[in-house]
Amino acid sequence: MSKICQITGKKAMIGNNVSHSKRRTKRTFDVNLFTKKFYYVEQDCWISLNICANGLRVINKKGLDAALNEAVAKGYCDWKTIKIIG
């Protein structure tokens, strides 16, 4: 599973750990990503999405259908990659 939000398209960033002596070593800043189930009313089924906290706020604000349509239009996810449960 890649660390990419299916709604906002956020993914892990690369940066540096900086020690007290200012020595820099590479590290990744991961996204606050979790798997969440939603009831998709338009298709009358449950779906599972890998979303970040900001993606959950977008779904609460715009609605699930509008958020999914916008994410597919921007290329963040595809209808084939969305898991349908049951």
N, C-alpha and C. Protein backbone atom coordinates (compact mmCIF):
# COMPACT_ATOMS: atom_id res chain seq x y z
N MET A 1 0.84 -1.17 0.00
CA MET A 1 0.00 0.00 0.00
C MET A 1 0.89 1.24 0.00
N SER A 2 0.73 2.09 -0.99
CA SER A 2 1.51 3.31 -1.03
C SER A 2 0.93 4.33 -0.06
N LYS A 3 1.78 5.22 0.40
CA LYS A 3 1.37 6.20 1.40
C LYS A 3 0.86 7.46 0.71
N ILE A 4 -0.26 7.32 0.00
CA ILE A 4 -0.87 8.43 -0.74
C ILE A 4 -2.35 8.49 -0.38
N CYS A 5 -2.84 9.69 -0.07
CA CYS A 5 -4.26 9.89 0.21
C CYS A 5 -5.05 9.81 -1.09
N GLN A 6 -6.16 9.07 -1.08
CA GLN A 6 -6.95 8.90 -2.29
C GLN A 6 -7.87 10.10 -2.56
N ILE A 7 -8.02 11.01 -1.62
CA ILE A 7 -8.88 12.18 -1.81
C ILE A 7 -8.07 13.43 -2.12
N THR A 8 -7.02 13.69 -1.35
CA THR A 8 -6.25 14.92 -1.54
C THR A 8 -4.97 14.73 -2.33
N GLY A 9 -4.50 13.49 -2.48
CA GLY A 9 -3.28 13.23 -3.22
C GLY A 9 -2.01 13.51 -2.43
N LYS A 10 -2.13 13.75 -1.12
CA LYS A 10 -0.95 14.00 -0.29
C LYS A 10 -0.12 12.73 -0.21
N LYS A 11 1.21 12.91 -0.22
CA LYS A 11 2.11 11.76 -0.09
C LYS A 11 3.30 12.16 0.78
N ALA A 12 4.11 11.16 1.11
CA ALA A 12 5.23 11.37 2.02
C ALA A 12 6.24 12.35 1.42
N MET A 13 6.78 13.22 2.28
CA MET A 13 7.81 14.18 1.87
C MET A 13 9.16 13.70 2.39
N ILE A 14 10.22 14.17 1.77
CA ILE A 14 11.57 13.82 2.20
C ILE A 14 12.24 15.06 2.77
N GLY A 15 12.90 14.88 3.91
CA GLY A 15 13.58 15.99 4.54
C GLY A 15 14.81 15.50 5.29
N ASN A 16 15.25 16.29 6.26
CA ASN A 16 16.45 15.97 7.00
C ASN A 16 16.15 15.89 8.50
N ASN A 17 16.79 14.93 9.17
CA ASN A 17 16.92 14.97 10.62
C ASN A 17 18.12 15.86 10.91
N VAL A 18 17.98 16.83 11.78
CA VAL A 18 19.08 17.72 12.11
C VAL A 18 19.42 17.51 13.58
N SER A 19 20.63 17.06 13.84
CA SER A 19 21.05 16.80 15.21
C SER A 19 21.54 18.10 15.86
N HIS A 20 21.94 17.98 17.12
CA HIS A 20 22.43 19.15 17.85
C HIS A 20 23.69 19.72 17.19
N SER A 21 24.49 18.84 16.60
CA SER A 21 25.71 19.29 15.94
C SER A 21 25.47 19.69 14.48
N LYS A 22 24.21 19.81 14.10
CA LYS A 22 23.76 20.21 12.76
C LYS A 22 24.09 19.18 11.68
N ARG A 23 24.33 17.94 12.07
CA ARG A 23 24.55 16.87 11.10
C ARG A 23 23.20 16.49 10.49
N ARG A 24 23.15 16.38 9.18
CA ARG A 24 21.87 16.13 8.50
C ARG A 24 21.84 14.72 7.92
N THR A 25 20.78 13.99 8.26
CA THR A 25 20.55 12.66 7.68
C THR A 25 19.13 12.64 7.12
N LYS A 26 18.95 11.90 6.04
CA LYS A 26 17.66 11.88 5.35
C LYS A 26 16.59 11.16 6.17
N ARG A 27 15.36 11.63 6.04
CA ARG A 27 14.21 11.00 6.68
C ARG A 27 12.97 11.29 5.85
N THR A 28 11.87 10.59 6.16
CA THR A 28 10.60 10.86 5.46
C THR A 28 9.58 11.40 6.46
N PHE A 29 8.81 12.34 6.02
CA PHE A 29 7.69 12.86 6.78
C PHE A 29 6.44 12.19 6.22
N ASP A 30 5.91 11.21 6.94
CA ASP A 30 4.76 10.45 6.45
C ASP A 30 3.46 11.21 6.64
N VAL A 31 2.48 10.86 5.85
CA VAL A 31 1.16 11.46 5.92
C VAL A 31 0.36 10.77 7.03
N ASN A 32 -0.54 11.51 7.66
CA ASN A 32 -1.42 10.95 8.69
C ASN A 32 -2.50 10.14 7.97
N LEU A 33 -2.15 8.93 7.55
CA LEU A 33 -2.98 8.12 6.67
C LEU A 33 -3.64 6.98 7.43
N PHE A 34 -4.92 6.73 7.15
CA PHE A 34 -5.63 5.62 7.75
C PHE A 34 -6.69 5.10 6.79
N THR A 35 -7.14 3.89 7.04
CA THR A 35 -8.17 3.27 6.22
C THR A 35 -9.52 3.51 6.87
N LYS A 36 -10.47 4.00 6.08
CA LYS A 36 -11.79 4.33 6.61
C LYS A 36 -12.85 3.78 5.67
N LYS A 37 -13.94 3.27 6.26
CA LYS A 37 -15.06 2.77 5.47
C LYS A 37 -16.16 3.82 5.41
N PHE A 38 -16.75 3.97 4.24
CA PHE A 38 -17.84 4.91 4.03
C PHE A 38 -18.99 4.19 3.34
N TYR A 39 -20.22 4.64 3.62
CA TYR A 39 -21.38 4.13 2.90
C TYR A 39 -21.62 5.06 1.73
N TYR A 40 -21.48 4.52 0.51
CA TYR A 40 -21.63 5.29 -0.71
C TYR A 40 -23.08 5.17 -1.17
N VAL A 41 -23.87 6.20 -0.93
CA VAL A 41 -25.32 6.17 -1.16
C VAL A 41 -25.64 6.02 -2.64
N GLU A 42 -24.87 6.68 -3.52
CA GLU A 42 -25.18 6.65 -4.94
C GLU A 42 -25.06 5.25 -5.53
N GLN A 43 -24.12 4.44 -5.02
CA GLN A 43 -23.95 3.07 -5.51
C GLN A 43 -24.58 2.04 -4.57
N ASP A 44 -25.09 2.48 -3.42
CA ASP A 44 -25.73 1.62 -2.42
C ASP A 44 -24.78 0.52 -1.96
N CYS A 45 -23.56 0.91 -1.55
CA CYS A 45 -22.58 -0.06 -1.08
C CYS A 45 -21.60 0.63 -0.13
N TRP A 46 -20.82 -0.19 0.56
CA TRP A 46 -19.76 0.30 1.42
C TRP A 46 -18.46 0.31 0.63
N ILE A 47 -17.65 1.36 0.82
CA ILE A 47 -16.35 1.43 0.18
C ILE A 47 -15.29 1.70 1.23
N SER A 48 -14.06 1.32 0.93
CA SER A 48 -12.93 1.52 1.82
C SER A 48 -11.93 2.43 1.13
N LEU A 49 -11.51 3.50 1.83
CA LEU A 49 -10.57 4.46 1.27
C LEU A 49 -9.38 4.63 2.18
N ASN A 50 -8.21 4.87 1.60
CA ASN A 50 -7.02 5.27 2.35
C ASN A 50 -6.95 6.79 2.29
N ILE A 51 -7.28 7.43 3.40
CA ILE A 51 -7.36 8.89 3.41
C ILE A 51 -6.56 9.46 4.57
N CYS A 52 -6.17 10.71 4.43
CA CYS A 52 -5.50 11.43 5.51
C CYS A 52 -6.55 12.23 6.27
N ALA A 53 -6.13 12.89 7.33
CA ALA A 53 -7.05 13.65 8.16
C ALA A 53 -7.68 14.80 7.38
N ASN A 54 -6.90 15.44 6.52
CA ASN A 54 -7.44 16.52 5.70
C ASN A 54 -8.45 15.99 4.69
N GLY A 55 -8.22 14.78 4.18
CA GLY A 55 -9.18 14.17 3.26
C GLY A 55 -10.51 13.90 3.93
N LEU A 56 -10.47 13.53 5.20
CA LEU A 56 -11.71 13.32 5.95
C LEU A 56 -12.47 14.64 6.12
N ARG A 57 -11.76 15.72 6.34
CA ARG A 57 -12.39 17.04 6.44
C ARG A 57 -13.02 17.46 5.11
N VAL A 58 -12.36 17.13 4.01
CA VAL A 58 -12.91 17.45 2.69
C VAL A 58 -14.20 16.68 2.44
N ILE A 59 -14.23 15.40 2.83
CA ILE A 59 -15.44 14.59 2.67
C ILE A 59 -16.57 15.13 3.54
N ASN A 60 -16.26 15.55 4.76
CA ASN A 60 -17.29 16.13 5.63
C ASN A 60 -17.82 17.44 5.07
N LYS A 61 -16.97 18.21 4.39
CA LYS A 61 -17.38 19.51 3.87
C LYS A 61 -18.16 19.39 2.57
N LYS A 62 -17.65 18.62 1.60
CA LYS A 62 -18.24 18.56 0.27
C LYS A 62 -19.20 17.40 0.06
N GLY A 63 -19.04 16.34 0.86
CA GLY A 63 -19.81 15.12 0.64
C GLY A 63 -18.94 14.10 -0.07
N LEU A 64 -19.30 12.82 0.13
CA LEU A 64 -18.48 11.74 -0.41
C LEU A 64 -18.47 11.71 -1.93
N ASP A 65 -19.63 11.87 -2.55
CA ASP A 65 -19.72 11.78 -4.01
C ASP A 65 -18.93 12.89 -4.69
N ALA A 66 -19.09 14.12 -4.21
CA ALA A 66 -18.38 15.25 -4.81
C ALA A 66 -16.87 15.13 -4.61
N ALA A 67 -16.45 14.67 -3.43
CA ALA A 67 -15.02 14.52 -3.15
C ALA A 67 -14.41 13.42 -4.03
N LEU A 68 -15.12 12.31 -4.20
CA LEU A 68 -14.61 11.23 -5.06
C LEU A 68 -14.54 11.66 -6.52
N ASN A 69 -15.57 12.34 -7.00
CA ASN A 69 -15.56 12.80 -8.40
C ASN A 69 -14.42 13.79 -8.65
N GLU A 70 -14.16 14.67 -7.68
CA GLU A 70 -13.07 15.64 -7.83
C GLU A 70 -11.71 14.94 -7.78
N ALA A 71 -11.57 13.93 -6.91
CA ALA A 71 -10.31 13.19 -6.81
C ALA A 71 -10.03 12.40 -8.08
N VAL A 72 -11.07 11.82 -8.67
CA VAL A 72 -10.89 11.07 -9.92
C VAL A 72 -10.54 12.03 -11.06
N ALA A 73 -11.17 13.20 -11.07
CA ALA A 73 -10.89 14.18 -12.12
C ALA A 73 -9.45 14.69 -12.04
N LYS A 74 -8.93 14.84 -10.82
CA LYS A 74 -7.56 15.32 -10.64
C LYS A 74 -6.53 14.20 -10.77
N GLY A 75 -6.98 12.95 -10.79
CA GLY A 75 -6.08 11.82 -10.97
C GLY A 75 -5.50 11.26 -9.70
N TYR A 76 -6.06 11.62 -8.54
CA TYR A 76 -5.55 11.11 -7.26
C TYR A 76 -5.94 9.65 -7.04
N CYS A 77 -7.08 9.25 -7.54
CA CYS A 77 -7.50 7.85 -7.44
C CYS A 77 -8.28 7.49 -8.70
N ASP A 78 -8.58 6.22 -8.84
CA ASP A 78 -9.31 5.71 -9.99
C ASP A 78 -10.48 4.90 -9.45
N TRP A 79 -11.53 4.80 -10.22
CA TRP A 79 -12.69 4.02 -9.77
C TRP A 79 -12.33 2.55 -9.56
N LYS A 80 -11.30 2.07 -10.26
CA LYS A 80 -10.88 0.68 -10.11
C LYS A 80 -10.12 0.43 -8.81
N THR A 81 -9.46 1.47 -8.27
CA THR A 81 -8.66 1.31 -7.06
C THR A 81 -9.48 1.44 -5.78
N ILE A 82 -10.73 1.88 -5.89
CA ILE A 82 -11.58 2.01 -4.70
C ILE A 82 -12.16 0.63 -4.36
N LYS A 83 -11.91 0.19 -3.14
CA LYS A 83 -12.37 -1.14 -2.71
C LYS A 83 -13.86 -1.09 -2.35
N ILE A 84 -14.64 -1.97 -2.95
CA ILE A 84 -16.06 -2.10 -2.61
C ILE A 84 -16.19 -3.26 -1.64
N ILE A 85 -16.82 -3.01 -0.51
CA ILE A 85 -16.97 -4.01 0.55
C ILE A 85 -18.39 -4.55 0.52
N GLY A 86 -18.51 -5.84 0.46
CA GLY A 86 -19.83 -6.50 0.54
C GLY A 86 -20.68 -6.25 -0.62
